[in-house]
């Protein structure tokens, strides 16, 4: 009778360990997915800000910037 009790306790402990391992794995996957999502959102917002700056910059302004930046120095 004692051996059955010991075996049952070992099975319960082993099952709890495996279940806890699966829960920890899912939490890790969730955390990684959230981090990737926040990085993607941050990249998109940076791209949007850059696009707005480029869109609002006129052709004359771009020519002026390029002319002052890339003229041949004396």
PDB file of N, CA and C in Angstrom:
ATOM      1  N   UNK A   1       0.822  -1.191   0.000  1.00  0.00           N
ATOM      2  CA  UNK A   1       0.000   0.000   0.000  1.00  0.00           C
ATOM      3  C   UNK A   1       0.865   1.255   0.000  1.00  0.00           C
ATOM      4  N   UNK A   2       1.974   1.219   0.758  1.00  0.00           N
ATOM      5  CA  UNK A   2       2.840   2.385   0.825  1.00  0.00           C
ATOM      6  C   UNK A   2       3.497   2.654  -0.525  1.00  0.00           C
ATOM      7  N   UNK A   3       3.804   1.606  -1.259  1.00  0.00           N
ATOM      8  CA  UNK A   3       4.459   1.788  -2.550  1.00  0.00           C
ATOM      9  C   UNK A   3       3.525   2.486  -3.534  1.00  0.00           C
ATOM     10  N   UNK A   4       2.226   2.172  -3.476  1.00  0.00           N
ATOM     11  CA  UNK A   4       1.268   2.831  -4.339  1.00  0.00           C
ATOM     12  C   UNK A   4       1.166   4.316  -4.002  1.00  0.00           C
ATOM     13  N   UNK A   5       1.207   4.635  -2.734  1.00  0.00           N
ATOM     14  CA  UNK A   5       1.146   6.024  -2.289  1.00  0.00           C
ATOM     15  C   UNK A   5       2.386   6.786  -2.766  1.00  0.00           C
ATOM     16  N   UNK A   6       3.549   6.187  -2.647  1.00  0.00           N
ATOM     17  CA  UNK A   6       4.796   6.820  -3.089  1.00  0.00           C
ATOM     18  C   UNK A   6       4.777   7.020  -4.607  1.00  0.00           C
ATOM     19  N   UNK A   7       4.311   6.018  -5.336  1.00  0.00           N
ATOM     20  CA  UNK A   7       4.230   6.128  -6.795  1.00  0.00           C
ATOM     21  C   UNK A   7       3.246   7.220  -7.193  1.00  0.00           C
ATOM     22  N   UNK A   8       2.100   7.288  -6.511  1.00  0.00           N
ATOM     23  CA  UNK A   8       1.098   8.321  -6.812  1.00  0.00           C
ATOM     24  C   UNK A   8       1.669   9.710  -6.548  1.00  0.00           C
ATOM     25  N   UNK A   9       2.385   9.877  -5.441  1.00  0.00           N
ATOM     26  CA  UNK A   9       2.983  11.177  -5.117  1.00  0.00           C
ATOM     27  C   UNK A   9       4.032  11.550  -6.169  1.00  0.00           C
ATOM     28  N   UNK A  10       4.846  10.587  -6.598  1.00  0.00           N
ATOM     29  CA  UNK A  10       5.846  10.858  -7.614  1.00  0.00           C
ATOM     30  C   UNK A  10       5.211  11.238  -8.952  1.00  0.00           C
ATOM     31  N   UNK A  11       4.119  10.582  -9.287  1.00  0.00           N
ATOM     32  CA  UNK A  11       3.409  10.913 -10.529  1.00  0.00           C
ATOM     33  C   UNK A  11       2.823  12.317 -10.438  1.00  0.00           C
ATOM     34  N   UNK A  12       2.246  12.663  -9.305  1.00  0.00           N
ATOM     35  CA  UNK A  12       1.675  14.008  -9.120  1.00  0.00           C
ATOM     36  C   UNK A  12       2.764  15.075  -9.197  1.00  0.00           C
ATOM     37  N   UNK A  13       3.888  14.824  -8.525  1.00  0.00           N
ATOM     38  CA  UNK A  13       4.993  15.792  -8.554  1.00  0.00           C
ATOM     39  C   UNK A  13       5.553  15.917  -9.974  1.00  0.00           C
ATOM     40  N   UNK A  14       5.729  14.807 -10.661  1.00  0.00           N
ATOM     41  CA  UNK A  14       6.224  14.840 -12.043  1.00  0.00           C
ATOM     42  C   UNK A  14       5.265  15.571 -12.974  1.00  0.00           C
ATOM     43  N   UNK A  15       3.973  15.309 -12.803  1.00  0.00           N
ATOM     44  CA  UNK A  15       2.970  15.999 -13.617  1.00  0.00           C
ATOM     45  C   UNK A  15       2.954  17.495 -13.345  1.00  0.00           C
ATOM     46  N   UNK A  16       3.069  17.874 -12.074  1.00  0.00           N
ATOM     47  CA  UNK A  16       3.103  19.295 -11.727  1.00  0.00           C
ATOM     48  C   UNK A  16       4.338  19.964 -12.328  1.00  0.00           C
ATOM     49  N   UNK A  17       5.473  19.266 -12.319  1.00  0.00           N
ATOM     50  CA  UNK A  17       6.695  19.812 -12.908  1.00  0.00           C
ATOM     51  C   UNK A  17       6.515  20.040 -14.411  1.00  0.00           C
ATOM     52  N   UNK A  18       5.986  19.034 -15.109  1.00  0.00           N
ATOM     53  CA  UNK A  18       5.793  19.161 -16.545  1.00  0.00           C
ATOM     54  C   UNK A  18       4.772  20.255 -16.879  1.00  0.00           C
ATOM     55  N   UNK A  19       3.701  20.322 -16.101  1.00  0.00           N
ATOM     56  CA  UNK A  19       2.691  21.355 -16.317  1.00  0.00           C
ATOM     57  C   UNK A  19       3.290  22.742 -16.078  1.00  0.00           C
ATOM     58  N   UNK A  20       4.058  22.896 -15.021  1.00  0.00           N
ATOM     59  CA  UNK A  20       4.708  24.173 -14.731  1.00  0.00           C
ATOM     60  C   UNK A  20       5.695  24.560 -15.819  1.00  0.00           C
ATOM     61  N   UNK A  21       6.388  23.590 -16.362  1.00  0.00           N
ATOM     62  CA  UNK A  21       7.317  23.847 -17.454  1.00  0.00           C
ATOM     63  C   UNK A  21       6.579  24.360 -18.686  1.00  0.00           C
ATOM     64  N   UNK A  22       5.445  23.778 -19.002  1.00  0.00           N
ATOM     65  CA  UNK A  22       4.647  24.220 -20.147  1.00  0.00           C
ATOM     66  C   UNK A  22       4.115  25.640 -19.935  1.00  0.00           C
ATOM     67  N   UNK A  23       3.665  25.928 -18.717  1.00  0.00           N
ATOM     68  CA  UNK A  23       3.155  27.266 -18.416  1.00  0.00           C
ATOM     69  C   UNK A  23       4.274  28.298 -18.570  1.00  0.00           C
ATOM     70  N   UNK A  24       5.457  27.986 -18.070  1.00  0.00           N
ATOM     71  CA  UNK A  24       6.592  28.903 -18.188  1.00  0.00           C
ATOM     72  C   UNK A  24       6.970  29.105 -19.655  1.00  0.00           C
ATOM     73  N   UNK A  25       6.911  28.058 -20.446  1.00  0.00           N
ATOM     74  CA  UNK A  25       7.221  28.154 -21.876  1.00  0.00           C
ATOM     75  C   UNK A  25       6.237  29.081 -22.575  1.00  0.00           C
ATOM     76  N   UNK A  26       4.956  28.949 -22.269  1.00  0.00           N
ATOM     77  CA  UNK A  26       3.928  29.801 -22.892  1.00  0.00           C
ATOM     78  C   UNK A  26       4.104  31.259 -22.469  1.00  0.00           C
ATOM     79  N   UNK A  27       4.437  31.490 -21.206  1.00  0.00           N
ATOM     80  CA  UNK A  27       4.670  32.863 -20.741  1.00  0.00           C
ATOM     81  C   UNK A  27       5.865  33.477 -21.463  1.00  0.00           C
ATOM     82  N   UNK A  28       6.908  32.698 -21.669  1.00  0.00           N
ATOM     83  CA  UNK A  28       8.093  33.180 -22.383  1.00  0.00           C
ATOM     84  C   UNK A  28       7.742  33.514 -23.832  1.00  0.00           C
ATOM     85  N   UNK A  29       6.986  32.656 -24.489  1.00  0.00           N
ATOM     86  CA  UNK A  29       6.579  32.911 -25.869  1.00  0.00           C
ATOM     87  C   UNK A  29       5.721  34.171 -25.958  1.00  0.00           C
ATOM     88  N   UNK A  30       4.834  34.359 -24.984  1.00  0.00           N
ATOM     89  CA  UNK A  30       3.988  35.551 -24.958  1.00  0.00           C
ATOM     90  C   UNK A  30       4.828  36.801 -24.788  1.00  0.00           C
ATOM     91  N   UNK A  31       5.802  36.746 -23.891  1.00  0.00           N
ATOM     92  CA  UNK A  31       6.665  37.893 -23.645  1.00  0.00           C
ATOM     93  C   UNK A  31       7.480  38.248 -24.889  1.00  0.00           C
ATOM     94  N   UNK A  32       7.997  37.245 -25.577  1.00  0.00           N
ATOM     95  CA  UNK A  32       8.768  37.481 -26.798  1.00  0.00           C
ATOM     96  C   UNK A  32       7.877  38.089 -27.876  1.00  0.00           C
ATOM     97  N   UNK A  33       6.664  37.588 -28.020  1.00  0.00           N
ATOM     98  CA  UNK A  33       5.738  38.122 -29.020  1.00  0.00           C
ATOM     99  C   UNK A  33       5.384  39.578 -28.708  1.00  0.00           C
ATOM    100  N   UNK A  34       5.177  39.899 -27.433  1.00  0.00           N
ATOM    101  CA  UNK A  34       4.876  41.281 -27.054  1.00  0.00           C
ATOM    102  C   UNK A  34       6.055  42.195 -27.345  1.00  0.00           C
ATOM    103  N   UNK A  35       7.272  41.735 -27.074  1.00  0.00           N
ATOM    104  CA  UNK A  35       8.460  42.540 -27.366  1.00  0.00           C
ATOM    105  C   UNK A  35       8.606  42.786 -28.865  1.00  0.00           C
ATOM    106  N   UNK A  36       8.373  41.757 -29.656  1.00  0.00           N
ATOM    107  CA  UNK A  36       8.469  41.910 -31.108  1.00  0.00           C
ATOM    108  C   UNK A  36       7.404  42.872 -31.621  1.00  0.00           C
ATOM    109  N   UNK A  37       6.208  42.791 -31.074  1.00  0.00           N
ATOM    110  CA  UNK A  37       5.132  43.681 -31.482  1.00  0.00           C
ATOM    111  C   UNK A  37       5.473  45.127 -31.152  1.00  0.00           C
ATOM    112  N   UNK A  38       6.001  45.362 -29.958  1.00  0.00           N
ATOM    113  CA  UNK A  38       6.344  46.737 -29.585  1.00  0.00           C
ATOM    114  C   UNK A  38       7.484  47.266 -30.448  1.00  0.00           C
ATOM    115  N   UNK A  39       8.453  46.426 -30.813  1.00  0.00           N
ATOM    116  CA  UNK A  39       9.526  46.855 -31.705  1.00  0.00           C
ATOM    117  C   UNK A  39       8.989  47.205 -33.088  1.00  0.00           C
ATOM    118  N   UNK A  40       8.056  46.417 -33.593  1.00  0.00           N
ATOM    119  CA  UNK A  40       7.461  46.681 -34.909  1.00  0.00           C
ATOM    120  C   UNK A  40       6.684  47.987 -34.876  1.00  0.00           C
ATOM    121  N   UNK A  41       5.911  48.201 -33.809  1.00  0.00           N
ATOM    122  CA  UNK A  41       5.146  49.440 -33.679  1.00  0.00           C
ATOM    123  C   UNK A  41       6.079  50.640 -33.615  1.00  0.00           C
ATOM    124  N   UNK A  42       7.169  50.515 -32.884  1.00  0.00           N
ATOM    125  CA  UNK A  42       8.143  51.603 -32.774  1.00  0.00           C
ATOM    126  C   UNK A  42       8.787  51.887 -34.126  1.00  0.00           C
ATOM    127  N   UNK A  43       9.133  50.851 -34.869  1.00  0.00           N
ATOM    128  CA  UNK A  43       9.726  51.033 -36.188  1.00  0.00           C
ATOM    129  C   UNK A  43       8.749  51.707 -37.142  1.00  0.00           C
ATOM    130  N   UNK A  44       7.501  51.293 -37.105  1.00  0.00           N
ATOM    131  CA  UNK A  44       6.489  51.892 -37.980  1.00  0.00           C
ATOM    132  C   UNK A  44       6.286  53.364 -37.646  1.00  0.00           C
ATOM    133  N   UNK A  45       6.257  53.698 -36.355  1.00  0.00           N
ATOM    134  CA  UNK A  45       6.062  55.102 -35.980  1.00  0.00           C
ATOM    135  C   UNK A  45       7.265  55.950 -36.402  1.00  0.00           C
ATOM    136  N   UNK A  46       8.485  55.403 -36.289  1.00  0.00           N
ATOM    137  CA  UNK A  46       9.663  56.134 -36.747  1.00  0.00           C
ATOM    138  C   UNK A  46       9.615  56.339 -38.258  1.00  0.00           C
ATOM    139  N   UNK A  47       9.201  55.320 -38.993  1.00  0.00           N
ATOM    140  CA  UNK A  47       9.086  55.431 -40.448  1.00  0.00           C
ATOM    141  C   UNK A  47       8.027  56.456 -40.821  1.00  0.00           C
ATOM    142  N   UNK A  48       6.918  56.479 -40.089  1.00  0.00           N
ATOM    143  CA  UNK A  48       5.849  57.435 -40.358  1.00  0.00           C
ATOM    144  C   UNK A  48       6.342  58.867 -40.135  1.00  0.00           C
ATOM    145  N   UNK A  49       7.098  59.098 -39.055  1.00  0.00           N
ATOM    146  CA  UNK A  49       7.639  60.437 -38.788  1.00  0.00           C
ATOM    147  C   UNK A  49       8.601  60.855 -39.887  1.00  0.00           C
ATOM    148  N   UNK A  50       9.442  59.925 -40.326  1.00  0.00           N
ATOM    149  CA  UNK A  50      10.383  60.232 -41.408  1.00  0.00           C
ATOM    150  C   UNK A  50       9.639  60.542 -42.701  1.00  0.00           C
ATOM    151  N   UNK A  51       8.625  59.756 -43.009  1.00  0.00           N
ATOM    152  CA  UNK A  51       7.849  59.997 -44.221  1.00  0.00           C
ATOM    153  C   UNK A  51       7.156  61.356 -44.177  1.00  0.00           C
ATOM    154  N   UNK A  52       6.637  61.747 -43.008  1.00  0.00           N
ATOM    155  CA  UNK A  52       5.982  63.049 -42.880  1.00  0.00           C
ATOM    156  C   UNK A  52       6.977  64.179 -43.095  1.00  0.00           C
ATOM    157  N   UNK A  53       8.193  64.034 -42.558  1.00  0.00           N
ATOM    158  CA  UNK A  53       9.216  65.065 -42.751  1.00  0.00           C
ATOM    159  C   UNK A  53       9.581  65.186 -44.226  1.00  0.00           C
ATOM    160  N   UNK A  54       9.756  64.049 -44.892  1.00  0.00           N
ATOM    161  CA  UNK A  54      10.116  64.065 -46.309  1.00  0.00           C
ATOM    162  C   UNK A  54       8.963  64.615 -47.139  1.00  0.00           C
ATOM    163  N   UNK A  55       7.746  64.244 -46.831  1.00  0.00           N
ATOM    164  CA  UNK A  55       6.585  64.695 -47.589  1.00  0.00           C
ATOM    165  C   UNK A  55       6.399  66.200 -47.444  1.00  0.00           C
ATOM    166  N   UNK A  56       6.653  66.735 -46.257  1.00  0.00           N
ATOM    167  CA  UNK A  56       6.453  68.165 -46.012  1.00  0.00           C
ATOM    168  C   UNK A  56       7.630  69.023 -46.480  1.00  0.00           C
ATOM    169  N   UNK A  57       8.723  68.407 -46.882  1.00  0.00           N
ATOM    170  CA  UNK A  57       9.874  69.150 -47.376  1.00  0.00           C
ATOM    171  C   UNK A  57       9.701  69.379 -48.871  1.00  0.00           C
ATOM    172  N   UNK A  58       9.800  70.627 -49.287  1.00  0.00           N
ATOM    173  CA  UNK A  58       9.613  70.958 -50.695  1.00  0.00           C
ATOM    174  C   UNK A  58      10.844  70.637 -51.519  1.00  0.00           C
ATOM    175  N   UNK A  59      10.656  70.643 -52.854  1.00  0.00           N
ATOM    176  CA  UNK A  59      11.751  70.324 -53.766  1.00  0.00           C
ATOM    177  C   UNK A  59      12.842  71.379 -53.673  1.00  0.00           C
ATOM    178  N   UNK A  60      12.454  72.636 -53.564  1.00  0.00           N
ATOM    179  CA  UNK A  60      13.456  73.704 -53.469  1.00  0.00           C
ATOM    180  C   UNK A  60      14.298  73.535 -52.210  1.00  0.00           C
ATOM    181  N   UNK A  61      13.647  73.166 -51.136  1.00  0.00           N
ATOM    182  CA  UNK A  61      14.375  72.977 -49.888  1.00  0.00           C
ATOM    183  C   UNK A  61      15.363  71.826 -50.010  1.00  0.00           C
ATOM    184  N   UNK A  62      14.961  70.756 -50.663  1.00  0.00           N
ATOM    185  CA  UNK A  62      15.853  69.610 -50.849  1.00  0.00           C
ATOM    186  C   UNK A  62      17.039  70.010 -51.717  1.00  0.00           C
ATOM    187  N   UNK A  63      16.771  70.778 -52.784  1.00  0.00           N
ATOM    188  CA  UNK A  63      17.858  71.230 -53.657  1.00  0.00           C
ATOM    189  C   UNK A  63      18.834  72.116 -52.879  1.00  0.00           C
ATOM    190  N   UNK A  64      18.305  72.999 -52.057  1.00  0.00           N
ATOM    191  CA  UNK A  64      19.160  73.885 -51.266  1.00  0.00           C
ATOM    192  C   UNK A  64      20.029  73.086 -50.306  1.00  0.00           C
ATOM    193  N   UNK A  65      19.434  72.124 -49.635  1.00  0.00           N
ATOM    194  CA  UNK A  65      20.190  71.300 -48.683  1.00  0.00           C
ATOM    195  C   UNK A  65      21.287  70.521 -49.411  1.00  0.00           C
ATOM    196  N   UNK A  66      20.942  69.907 -50.537  1.00  0.00           N
ATOM    197  CA  UNK A  66      21.939  69.159 -51.289  1.00  0.00           C
ATOM    198  C   UNK A  66      23.034  70.061 -51.845  1.00  0.00           C
ATOM    199  N   UNK A  67      22.644  71.267 -52.297  1.00  0.00           N
ATOM    200  CA  UNK A  67      23.623  72.191 -52.851  1.00  0.00           C
ATOM    201  C   UNK A  67      24.613  72.651 -51.783  1.00  0.00           C
ATOM    202  N   UNK A  68      24.123  72.968 -50.596  1.00  0.00           N
ATOM    203  CA  UNK A  68      25.032  73.426 -49.529  1.00  0.00           C
ATOM    204  C   UNK A  68      25.861  72.275 -48.976  1.00  0.00           C
ATOM    205  N   UNK A  69      25.322  71.106 -48.983  1.00  0.00           N
ATOM    206  CA  UNK A  69      26.025  69.974 -48.375  1.00  0.00           C
ATOM    207  C   UNK A  69      27.066  69.368 -49.310  1.00  0.00           C
ATOM    208  N   UNK A  70      26.782  69.350 -50.624  1.00  0.00           N
ATOM    209  CA  UNK A  70      27.636  68.617 -51.552  1.00  0.00           C
ATOM    210  C   UNK A  70      28.305  69.502 -52.611  1.00  0.00           C
ATOM    211  N   UNK A  71      28.481  70.773 -52.363  1.00  0.00           N
ATOM    212  CA  UNK A  71      29.204  71.601 -53.335  1.00  0.00           C
ATOM    213  C   UNK A  71      30.694  71.360 -53.195  1.00  0.00           C
ATOM    214  N   UNK A  72      31.414  71.625 -54.273  1.00  0.00           N
ATOM    215  CA  UNK A  72      32.853  71.436 -54.250  1.00  0.00           C
ATOM    216  C   UNK A  72      33.480  72.623 -53.532  1.00  0.00           C
ATOM    217  N   UNK A  73      34.253  72.333 -52.517  1.00  0.00           N
ATOM    218  CA  UNK A  73      34.889  73.394 -51.755  1.00  0.00           C
ATOM    219  C   UNK A  73      36.063  73.957 -52.527  1.00  0.00           C
ATOM    220  N   UNK A  74      36.354  75.215 -52.291  1.00  0.00           N
ATOM    221  CA  UNK A  74      37.470  75.872 -53.003  1.00  0.00           C
ATOM    222  C   UNK A  74      38.794  75.448 -52.450  1.00  0.00           C
TER     223      UNK A  74
END
